[in-house]
Structure formats: structure tokens, C-alpha cells
Amino acid sequence: MPPGAFEIPHHHRLSHQFFYVLHGTLTMVVAEQATTVSSGSGIEIAPGTIHQARNDSNADVRFLVISQPPSHGDRVEREV
């Protein structure tokens, strides 16, 4: 994820997700609270929890996202 990039806040109806940072620093906004996730660390997101991954740093962030069950078709974007 390049510097300044972000996704739209959303949740998943069924999927549990785990974000694991390989390189850099990821900002995860979970239930409107920002948390910094550094390289070698991860964060779990429960189904129904509104979240947003963003890169507030000046360097690329590389991370893995593991979803169980698969999150394809399970994403609900937050209404503004």
C-alpha cells in the first residue's frame, strides 16, 4: 500500500480477518479508533466490526490479509 493510500471504511458480515504487517507501519481504524500496526505485528478484525486500513506513513506498507471464511462478496461499505 503506497503512502497516503486508504480503503473505504467497511465491515464483513461473516468473515474474520487478520492483518499481518510484513514491512512498514499500517494504520488500522477499528470502530473509529486508530491503531498503529508495525512490521512483525498483526491485528484481528471480528465480523461486523467497521474497519479501515490506511497508510499514514511516508513509505510503502506490505501486509497480508487472511479472511475466514473468504471475504469476497461479504463486504459492506459504511454509509456516510
PDB file of N, CA and C in Angstrom:
ATOM      1  N   MET A   1       0.858  -1.159   0.000  1.00  0.00           N
ATOM      2  CA  MET A   1       0.000   0.000   0.000  1.00  0.00           C
ATOM      3  C   MET A   1       0.912   1.231   0.000  1.00  0.00           C
ATOM      4  N   PRO A   2       0.762   2.092  -0.993  1.00  0.00           N
ATOM      5  CA  PRO A   2       1.631   3.271  -1.067  1.00  0.00           C
ATOM      6  C   PRO A   2       1.279   4.320  -0.003  1.00  0.00           C
ATOM      7  N   PRO A   3       2.207   5.237   0.258  1.00  0.00           N
ATOM      8  CA  PRO A   3       1.937   6.301   1.225  1.00  0.00           C
ATOM      9  C   PRO A   3       0.670   7.074   0.869  1.00  0.00           C
ATOM     10  N   GLY A   4      -0.142   7.365   1.864  1.00  0.00           N
ATOM     11  CA  GLY A   4      -1.359   8.136   1.669  1.00  0.00           C
ATOM     12  C   GLY A   4      -2.555   7.325   1.198  1.00  0.00           C
ATOM     13  N   ALA A   5      -2.354   6.058   0.863  1.00  0.00           N
ATOM     14  CA  ALA A   5      -3.463   5.223   0.386  1.00  0.00           C
ATOM     15  C   ALA A   5      -4.342   4.772   1.558  1.00  0.00           C
ATOM     16  N   PHE A   6      -5.609   4.516   1.248  1.00  0.00           N
ATOM     17  CA  PHE A   6      -6.541   4.047   2.279  1.00  0.00           C
ATOM     18  C   PHE A   6      -7.704   3.339   1.604  1.00  0.00           C
ATOM     19  N   GLU A   7      -8.411   2.526   2.376  1.00  0.00           N
ATOM     20  CA  GLU A   7      -9.618   1.892   1.868  1.00  0.00           C
ATOM     21  C   GLU A   7     -10.831   2.551   2.513  1.00  0.00           C
ATOM     22  N   ILE A   8     -11.984   2.339   1.923  1.00  0.00           N
ATOM     23  CA  ILE A   8     -13.225   2.884   2.463  1.00  0.00           C
ATOM     24  C   ILE A   8     -13.605   2.095   3.712  1.00  0.00           C
ATOM     25  N   PRO A   9     -14.007   2.786   4.791  1.00  0.00           N
ATOM     26  CA  PRO A   9     -14.449   2.049   5.983  1.00  0.00           C
ATOM     27  C   PRO A   9     -15.567   1.071   5.623  1.00  0.00           C
ATOM     28  N   HIS A  10     -15.483  -0.116   6.185  1.00  0.00           N
ATOM     29  CA  HIS A  10     -16.448  -1.169   5.858  1.00  0.00           C
ATOM     30  C   HIS A  10     -16.435  -2.227   6.953  1.00  0.00           C
ATOM     31  N   HIS A  11     -17.338  -3.196   6.835  1.00  0.00           N
ATOM     32  CA  HIS A  11     -17.307  -4.375   7.700  1.00  0.00           C
ATOM     33  C   HIS A  11     -17.644  -5.596   6.857  1.00  0.00           C
ATOM     34  N   HIS A  12     -17.476  -6.747   7.444  1.00  0.00           N
ATOM     35  CA  HIS A  12     -17.828  -8.012   6.799  1.00  0.00           C
ATOM     36  C   HIS A  12     -18.881  -8.693   7.658  1.00  0.00           C
ATOM     37  N   ARG A  13     -19.887  -9.241   7.007  1.00  0.00           N
ATOM     38  CA  ARG A  13     -20.972  -9.895   7.747  1.00  0.00           C
ATOM     39  C   ARG A  13     -20.493 -11.163   8.445  1.00  0.00           C
ATOM     40  N   LEU A  14     -19.674 -11.960   7.743  1.00  0.00           N
ATOM     41  CA  LEU A  14     -19.283 -13.278   8.255  1.00  0.00           C
ATOM     42  C   LEU A  14     -17.788 -13.450   8.487  1.00  0.00           C
ATOM     43  N   SER A  15     -16.986 -12.756   7.735  1.00  0.00           N
ATOM     44  CA  SER A  15     -15.537 -13.010   7.736  1.00  0.00           C
ATOM     45  C   SER A  15     -14.807 -12.428   8.941  1.00  0.00           C
ATOM     46  N   HIS A  16     -13.990 -13.270   9.547  1.00  0.00           N
ATOM     47  CA  HIS A  16     -12.969 -12.826  10.495  1.00  0.00           C
ATOM     48  C   HIS A  16     -11.763 -12.476   9.632  1.00  0.00           C
ATOM     49  N   GLN A  17     -11.064 -11.388   9.958  1.00  0.00           N
ATOM     50  CA  GLN A  17      -9.874 -11.036   9.195  1.00  0.00           C
ATOM     51  C   GLN A  17      -8.699 -10.847  10.134  1.00  0.00           C
ATOM     52  N   PHE A  18      -7.510 -11.163   9.599  1.00  0.00           N
ATOM     53  CA  PHE A  18      -6.272 -10.919  10.327  1.00  0.00           C
ATOM     54  C   PHE A  18      -5.327 -10.210   9.382  1.00  0.00           C
ATOM     55  N   PHE A  19      -4.878  -9.026   9.772  1.00  0.00           N
ATOM     56  CA  PHE A  19      -3.912  -8.239   9.010  1.00  0.00           C
ATOM     57  C   PHE A  19      -2.550  -8.430   9.663  1.00  0.00           C
ATOM     58  N   TYR A  20      -1.568  -8.882   8.884  1.00  0.00           N
ATOM     59  CA  TYR A  20      -0.204  -9.079   9.391  1.00  0.00           C
ATOM     60  C   TYR A  20       0.742  -8.213   8.562  1.00  0.00           C
ATOM     61  N   VAL A  21       1.468  -7.314   9.220  1.00  0.00           N
ATOM     62  CA  VAL A  21       2.343  -6.366   8.531  1.00  0.00           C
ATOM     63  C   VAL A  21       3.715  -6.988   8.313  1.00  0.00           C
ATOM     64  N   LEU A  22       4.103  -7.066   7.044  1.00  0.00           N
ATOM     65  CA  LEU A  22       5.407  -7.609   6.659  1.00  0.00           C
ATOM     66  C   LEU A  22       6.492  -6.534   6.677  1.00  0.00           C
ATOM     67  N   HIS A  23       6.126  -5.325   6.249  1.00  0.00           N
ATOM     68  CA  HIS A  23       7.097  -4.236   6.129  1.00  0.00           C
ATOM     69  C   HIS A  23       6.373  -2.901   6.274  1.00  0.00           C
ATOM     70  N   GLY A  24       6.913  -2.020   7.086  1.00  0.00           N
ATOM     71  CA  GLY A  24       6.343  -0.691   7.262  1.00  0.00           C
ATOM     72  C   GLY A  24       5.392  -0.620   8.440  1.00  0.00           C
ATOM     73  N   THR A  25       4.580   0.430   8.429  1.00  0.00           N
ATOM     74  CA  THR A  25       3.632   0.674   9.510  1.00  0.00           C
ATOM     75  C   THR A  25       2.255   0.935   8.918  1.00  0.00           C
ATOM     76  N   LEU A  26       1.286   0.130   9.325  1.00  0.00           N
ATOM     77  CA  LEU A  26      -0.090   0.241   8.857  1.00  0.00           C
ATOM     78  C   LEU A  26      -0.933   0.887   9.945  1.00  0.00           C
ATOM     79  N   THR A  27      -1.798   1.797   9.558  1.00  0.00           N
ATOM     80  CA  THR A  27      -2.775   2.336  10.488  1.00  0.00           C
ATOM     81  C   THR A  27      -4.090   1.628  10.233  1.00  0.00           C
ATOM     82  N   MET A  28      -4.635   1.013  11.277  1.00  0.00           N
ATOM     83  CA  MET A  28      -5.945   0.376  11.192  1.00  0.00           C
ATOM     84  C   MET A  28      -6.908   1.182  12.050  1.00  0.00           C
ATOM     85  N   VAL A  29      -7.987   1.615  11.432  1.00  0.00           N
ATOM     86  CA  VAL A  29      -9.035   2.299  12.180  1.00  0.00           C
ATOM     87  C   VAL A  29     -10.118   1.256  12.427  1.00  0.00           C
ATOM     88  N   VAL A  30     -10.315   0.931  13.696  1.00  0.00           N
ATOM     89  CA  VAL A  30     -11.270  -0.101  14.090  1.00  0.00           C
ATOM     90  C   VAL A  30     -12.264   0.541  15.041  1.00  0.00           C
ATOM     91  N   ALA A  31     -13.542   0.504  14.653  1.00  0.00           N
ATOM     92  CA  ALA A  31     -14.594   1.123  15.454  1.00  0.00           C
ATOM     93  C   ALA A  31     -14.231   2.575  15.785  1.00  0.00           C
ATOM     94  N   GLU A  32     -13.727   3.290  14.762  1.00  0.00           N
ATOM     95  CA  GLU A  32     -13.373   4.715  14.828  1.00  0.00           C
ATOM     96  C   GLU A  32     -12.174   5.015  15.725  1.00  0.00           C
ATOM     97  N   GLN A  33     -11.382   4.009  16.080  1.00  0.00           N
ATOM     98  CA  GLN A  33     -10.171   4.207  16.883  1.00  0.00           C
ATOM     99  C   GLN A  33      -8.959   3.764  16.071  1.00  0.00           C
ATOM    100  N   ALA A  34      -8.000   4.681  15.863  1.00  0.00           N
ATOM    101  CA  ALA A  34      -6.806   4.379  15.071  1.00  0.00           C
ATOM    102  C   ALA A  34      -5.782   3.616  15.906  1.00  0.00           C
ATOM    103  N   THR A  35      -5.237   2.560  15.304  1.00  0.00           N
ATOM    104  CA  THR A  35      -4.200   1.745  15.927  1.00  0.00           C
ATOM    105  C   THR A  35      -3.066   1.584  14.932  1.00  0.00           C
ATOM    106  N   THR A  36      -1.838   1.745  15.394  1.00  0.00           N
ATOM    107  CA  THR A  36      -0.663   1.551  14.547  1.00  0.00           C
ATOM    108  C   THR A  36      -0.211   0.110  14.662  1.00  0.00           C
ATOM    109  N   VAL A  37      -0.030  -0.541  13.508  1.00  0.00           N
ATOM    110  CA  VAL A  37       0.418  -1.931  13.466  1.00  0.00           C
ATOM    111  C   VAL A  37       1.767  -1.942  12.747  1.00  0.00           C
ATOM    112  N   SER A  38       2.816  -2.288  13.481  1.00  0.00           N
ATOM    113  CA  SER A  38       4.175  -2.256  12.952  1.00  0.00           C
ATOM    114  C   SER A  38       4.568  -3.579  12.324  1.00  0.00           C
ATOM    115  N   SER A  39       5.653  -3.546  11.574  1.00  0.00           N
ATOM    116  CA  SER A  39       6.204  -4.740  10.941  1.00  0.00           C
ATOM    117  C   SER A  39       6.389  -5.857  11.965  1.00  0.00           C
ATOM    118  N   GLY A  40       5.935  -7.063  11.617  1.00  0.00           N
ATOM    119  CA  GLY A  40       6.039  -8.204  12.521  1.00  0.00           C
ATOM    120  C   GLY A  40       4.871  -8.341  13.479  1.00  0.00           C
ATOM    121  N   SER A  41       3.885  -7.449  13.354  1.00  0.00           N
ATOM    122  CA  SER A  41       2.712  -7.488  14.229  1.00  0.00           C
ATOM    123  C   SER A  41       1.448  -7.627  13.396  1.00  0.00           C
ATOM    124  N   GLY A  42       0.344  -7.948  14.078  1.00  0.00           N
ATOM    125  CA  GLY A  42      -0.915  -8.112  13.375  1.00  0.00           C
ATOM    126  C   GLY A  42      -2.080  -7.649  14.219  1.00  0.00           C
ATOM    127  N   ILE A  43      -3.244  -7.628  13.577  1.00  0.00           N
ATOM    128  CA  ILE A  43      -4.467  -7.232  14.268  1.00  0.00           C
ATOM    129  C   ILE A  43      -5.624  -8.058  13.705  1.00  0.00           C
ATOM    130  N   GLU A  44      -6.489  -8.524  14.601  1.00  0.00           N
ATOM    131  CA  GLU A  44      -7.656  -9.313  14.208  1.00  0.00           C
ATOM    132  C   GLU A  44      -8.885  -8.418  14.161  1.00  0.00           C
ATOM    133  N   ILE A  45      -9.714  -8.637  13.142  1.00  0.00           N
ATOM    134  CA  ILE A  45     -10.952  -7.883  12.983  1.00  0.00           C
ATOM    135  C   ILE A  45     -12.114  -8.876  13.004  1.00  0.00           C
ATOM    136  N   ALA A  46     -13.016  -8.700  13.943  1.00  0.00           N
ATOM    137  CA  ALA A  46     -14.172  -9.596  14.070  1.00  0.00           C
ATOM    138  C   ALA A  46     -15.248  -9.222  13.053  1.00  0.00           C
ATOM    139  N   PRO A  47     -16.087 -10.187  12.663  1.00  0.00           N
ATOM    140  CA  PRO A  47     -17.193  -9.873  11.759  1.00  0.00           C
ATOM    141  C   PRO A  47     -18.066  -8.762  12.348  1.00  0.00           C
ATOM    142  N   GLY A  48     -18.582  -7.900  11.475  1.00  0.00           N
ATOM    143  CA  GLY A  48     -19.460  -6.822  11.918  1.00  0.00           C
ATOM    144  C   GLY A  48     -18.746  -5.590  12.427  1.00  0.00           C
ATOM    145  N   THR A  49     -17.402  -5.635  12.535  1.00  0.00           N
ATOM    146  CA  THR A  49     -16.632  -4.506  13.052  1.00  0.00           C
ATOM    147  C   THR A  49     -16.216  -3.592  11.903  1.00  0.00           C
ATOM    148  N   ILE A  50     -16.623  -2.330  11.955  1.00  0.00           N
ATOM    149  CA  ILE A  50     -16.229  -1.377  10.921  1.00  0.00           C
ATOM    150  C   ILE A  50     -14.734  -1.108  11.055  1.00  0.00           C
ATOM    151  N   HIS A  51     -14.030  -1.210   9.919  1.00  0.00           N
ATOM    152  CA  HIS A  51     -12.577  -1.017   9.929  1.00  0.00           C
ATOM    153  C   HIS A  51     -12.115  -0.398   8.625  1.00  0.00           C
ATOM    154  N   GLN A  52     -10.893   0.145   8.674  1.00  0.00           N
ATOM    155  CA  GLN A  52     -10.278   0.783   7.515  1.00  0.00           C
ATOM    156  C   GLN A  52      -8.768   0.641   7.641  1.00  0.00           C
ATOM    157  N   ALA A  53      -8.150   0.117   6.593  1.00  0.00           N
ATOM    158  CA  ALA A  53      -6.684   0.082   6.525  1.00  0.00           C
ATOM    159  C   ALA A  53      -6.230   1.338   5.800  1.00  0.00           C
ATOM    160  N   ARG A  54      -5.185   1.982   6.334  1.00  0.00           N
ATOM    161  CA  ARG A  54      -4.639   3.156   5.659  1.00  0.00           C
ATOM    162  C   ARG A  54      -3.143   3.263   5.934  1.00  0.00           C
ATOM    163  N   ASN A  55      -2.465   3.940   5.039  1.00  0.00           N
ATOM    164  CA  ASN A  55      -1.031   4.151   5.193  1.00  0.00           C
ATOM    165  C   ASN A  55      -0.792   5.623   5.457  1.00  0.00           C
ATOM    166  N   ASP A  56      -0.584   5.970   6.718  1.00  0.00           N
ATOM    167  CA  ASP A  56      -0.320   7.350   7.118  1.00  0.00           C
ATOM    168  C   ASP A  56       1.168   7.680   7.082  1.00  0.00           C
ATOM    169  N   SER A  57       2.008   6.714   6.718  1.00  0.00           N
ATOM    170  CA  SER A  57       3.453   6.919   6.727  1.00  0.00           C
ATOM    171  C   SER A  57       3.938   7.454   5.377  1.00  0.00           C
ATOM    172  N   ASN A  58       5.238   7.672   5.288  1.00  0.00           N
ATOM    173  CA  ASN A  58       5.859   8.165   4.059  1.00  0.00           C
ATOM    174  C   ASN A  58       6.500   7.051   3.244  1.00  0.00           C
ATOM    175  N   ALA A  59       6.263   5.795   3.612  1.00  0.00           N
ATOM    176  CA  ALA A  59       6.863   4.654   2.926  1.00  0.00           C
ATOM    177  C   ALA A  59       5.787   3.615   2.626  1.00  0.00           C
ATOM    178  N   ASP A  60       6.062   2.752   1.658  1.00  0.00           N
ATOM    179  CA  ASP A  60       5.126   1.668   1.346  1.00  0.00           C
ATOM    180  C   ASP A  60       4.926   0.759   2.551  1.00  0.00           C
ATOM    181  N   VAL A  61       3.738   0.172   2.643  1.00  0.00           N
ATOM    182  CA  VAL A  61       3.427  -0.836   3.660  1.00  0.00           C
ATOM    183  C   VAL A  61       3.055  -2.115   2.923  1.00  0.00           C
ATOM    184  N   ARG A  62       3.648  -3.227   3.351  1.00  0.00           N
ATOM    185  CA  ARG A  62       3.298  -4.537   2.797  1.00  0.00           C
ATOM    186  C   ARG A  62       2.693  -5.369   3.911  1.00  0.00           C
ATOM    187  N   PHE A  63       1.544  -5.972   3.617  1.00  0.00           N
ATOM    188  CA  PHE A  63       0.858  -6.754   4.640  1.00  0.00           C
ATOM    189  C   PHE A  63       0.056  -7.873   4.000  1.00  0.00           C
ATOM    190  N   LEU A  64      -0.260  -8.860   4.815  1.00  0.00           N
ATOM    191  CA  LEU A  64      -1.128  -9.955   4.417  1.00  0.00           C
ATOM    192  C   LEU A  64      -2.483  -9.757   5.075  1.00  0.00           C
ATOM    193  N   VAL A  65      -3.537 -10.163   4.369  1.00  0.00           N
ATOM    194  CA  VAL A  65      -4.875 -10.183   4.956  1.00  0.00           C
ATOM    195  C   VAL A  65      -5.403 -11.600   4.795  1.00  0.00           C
ATOM    196  N   ILE A  66      -5.695 -12.233   5.921  1.00  0.00           N
ATOM    197  CA  ILE A  66      -6.247 -13.583   5.911  1.00  0.00           C
ATOM    198  C   ILE A  66      -7.705 -13.477   6.350  1.00  0.00           C
ATOM    199  N   SER A  67      -8.611 -14.014   5.547  1.00  0.00           N
ATOM    200  CA  SER A  67     -10.045 -13.936   5.840  1.00  0.00           C
ATOM    201  C   SER A  67     -10.632 -15.332   5.917  1.00  0.00           C
ATOM    202  N   GLN A  68     -11.439 -15.572   6.960  1.00  0.00           N
ATOM    203  CA  GLN A  68     -12.101 -16.865   7.117  1.00  0.00           C
ATOM    204  C   GLN A  68     -13.513 -16.642   7.613  1.00  0.00           C
ATOM    205  N   PRO A  69     -14.541 -17.065   6.916  1.00  0.00           N
ATOM    206  CA  PRO A  69     -14.499 -17.576   5.553  1.00  0.00           C
ATOM    207  C   PRO A  69     -14.056 -16.476   4.596  1.00  0.00           C
ATOM    208  N   PRO A  70     -13.785 -16.821   3.328  1.00  0.00           N
ATOM    209  CA  PRO A  70     -13.331 -15.808   2.367  1.00  0.00           C
ATOM    210  C   PRO A  70     -14.260 -14.593   2.363  1.00  0.00           C
ATOM    211  N   SER A  71     -13.665 -13.412   2.226  1.00  0.00           N
ATOM    212  CA  SER A  71     -14.433 -12.170   2.347  1.00  0.00           C
ATOM    213  C   SER A  71     -15.037 -11.681   1.036  1.00  0.00           C
ATOM    214  N   HIS A  72     -14.807 -12.374  -0.069  1.00  0.00           N
ATOM    215  CA  HIS A  72     -15.364 -11.950  -1.350  1.00  0.00           C
ATOM    216  C   HIS A  72     -16.893 -11.976  -1.285  1.00  0.00           C
ATOM    217  N   GLY A  73     -17.512 -10.833  -1.596  1.00  0.00           N
ATOM    218  CA  GLY A  73     -18.963 -10.740  -1.554  1.00  0.00           C
ATOM    219  C   GLY A  73     -19.538 -10.532  -0.162  1.00  0.00           C
ATOM    220  N   ASP A  74     -18.659 -10.375   0.835  1.00  0.00           N
ATOM    221  CA  ASP A  74     -19.092 -10.243   2.224  1.00  0.00           C
ATOM    222  C   ASP A  74     -18.856  -8.823   2.768  1.00  0.00           C
ATOM    223  N   ARG A  75     -18.415  -7.927   1.911  1.00  0.00           N
ATOM    224  CA  ARG A  75     -18.025  -6.581   2.331  1.00  0.00           C
ATOM    225  C   ARG A  75     -19.234  -5.653   2.278  1.00  0.00           C
ATOM    226  N   VAL A  76     -19.430  -4.858   3.338  1.00  0.00           N
ATOM    227  CA  VAL A  76     -20.492  -3.871   3.412  1.00  0.00           C
ATOM    228  C   VAL A  76     -19.835  -2.525   3.731  1.00  0.00           C
ATOM    229  N   GLU A  77     -19.887  -1.598   2.758  1.00  0.00           N
ATOM    230  CA  GLU A  77     -19.273  -0.293   2.999  1.00  0.00           C
ATOM    231  C   GLU A  77     -20.120   0.524   3.950  1.00  0.00           C
ATOM    232  N   ARG A  78     -19.433   1.287   4.791  1.00  0.00           N
ATOM    233  CA  ARG A  78     -20.120   2.120   5.772  1.00  0.00           C
ATOM    234  C   ARG A  78     -20.833   3.268   5.070  1.00  0.00           C
ATOM    235  N   GLU A  79     -22.059   3.506   5.469  1.00  0.00           N
ATOM    236  CA  GLU A  79     -22.809   4.638   4.924  1.00  0.00           C
ATOM    237  C   GLU A  79     -22.337   5.901   5.590  1.00  0.00           C
ATOM    238  N   VAL A  80     -22.197   6.948   4.781  1.00  0.00           N
ATOM    239  CA  VAL A  80     -21.710   8.248   5.310  1.00  0.00           C
ATOM    240  C   VAL A  80     -22.866   9.140   5.660  1.00  0.00           C
TER     241      VAL A  80
END
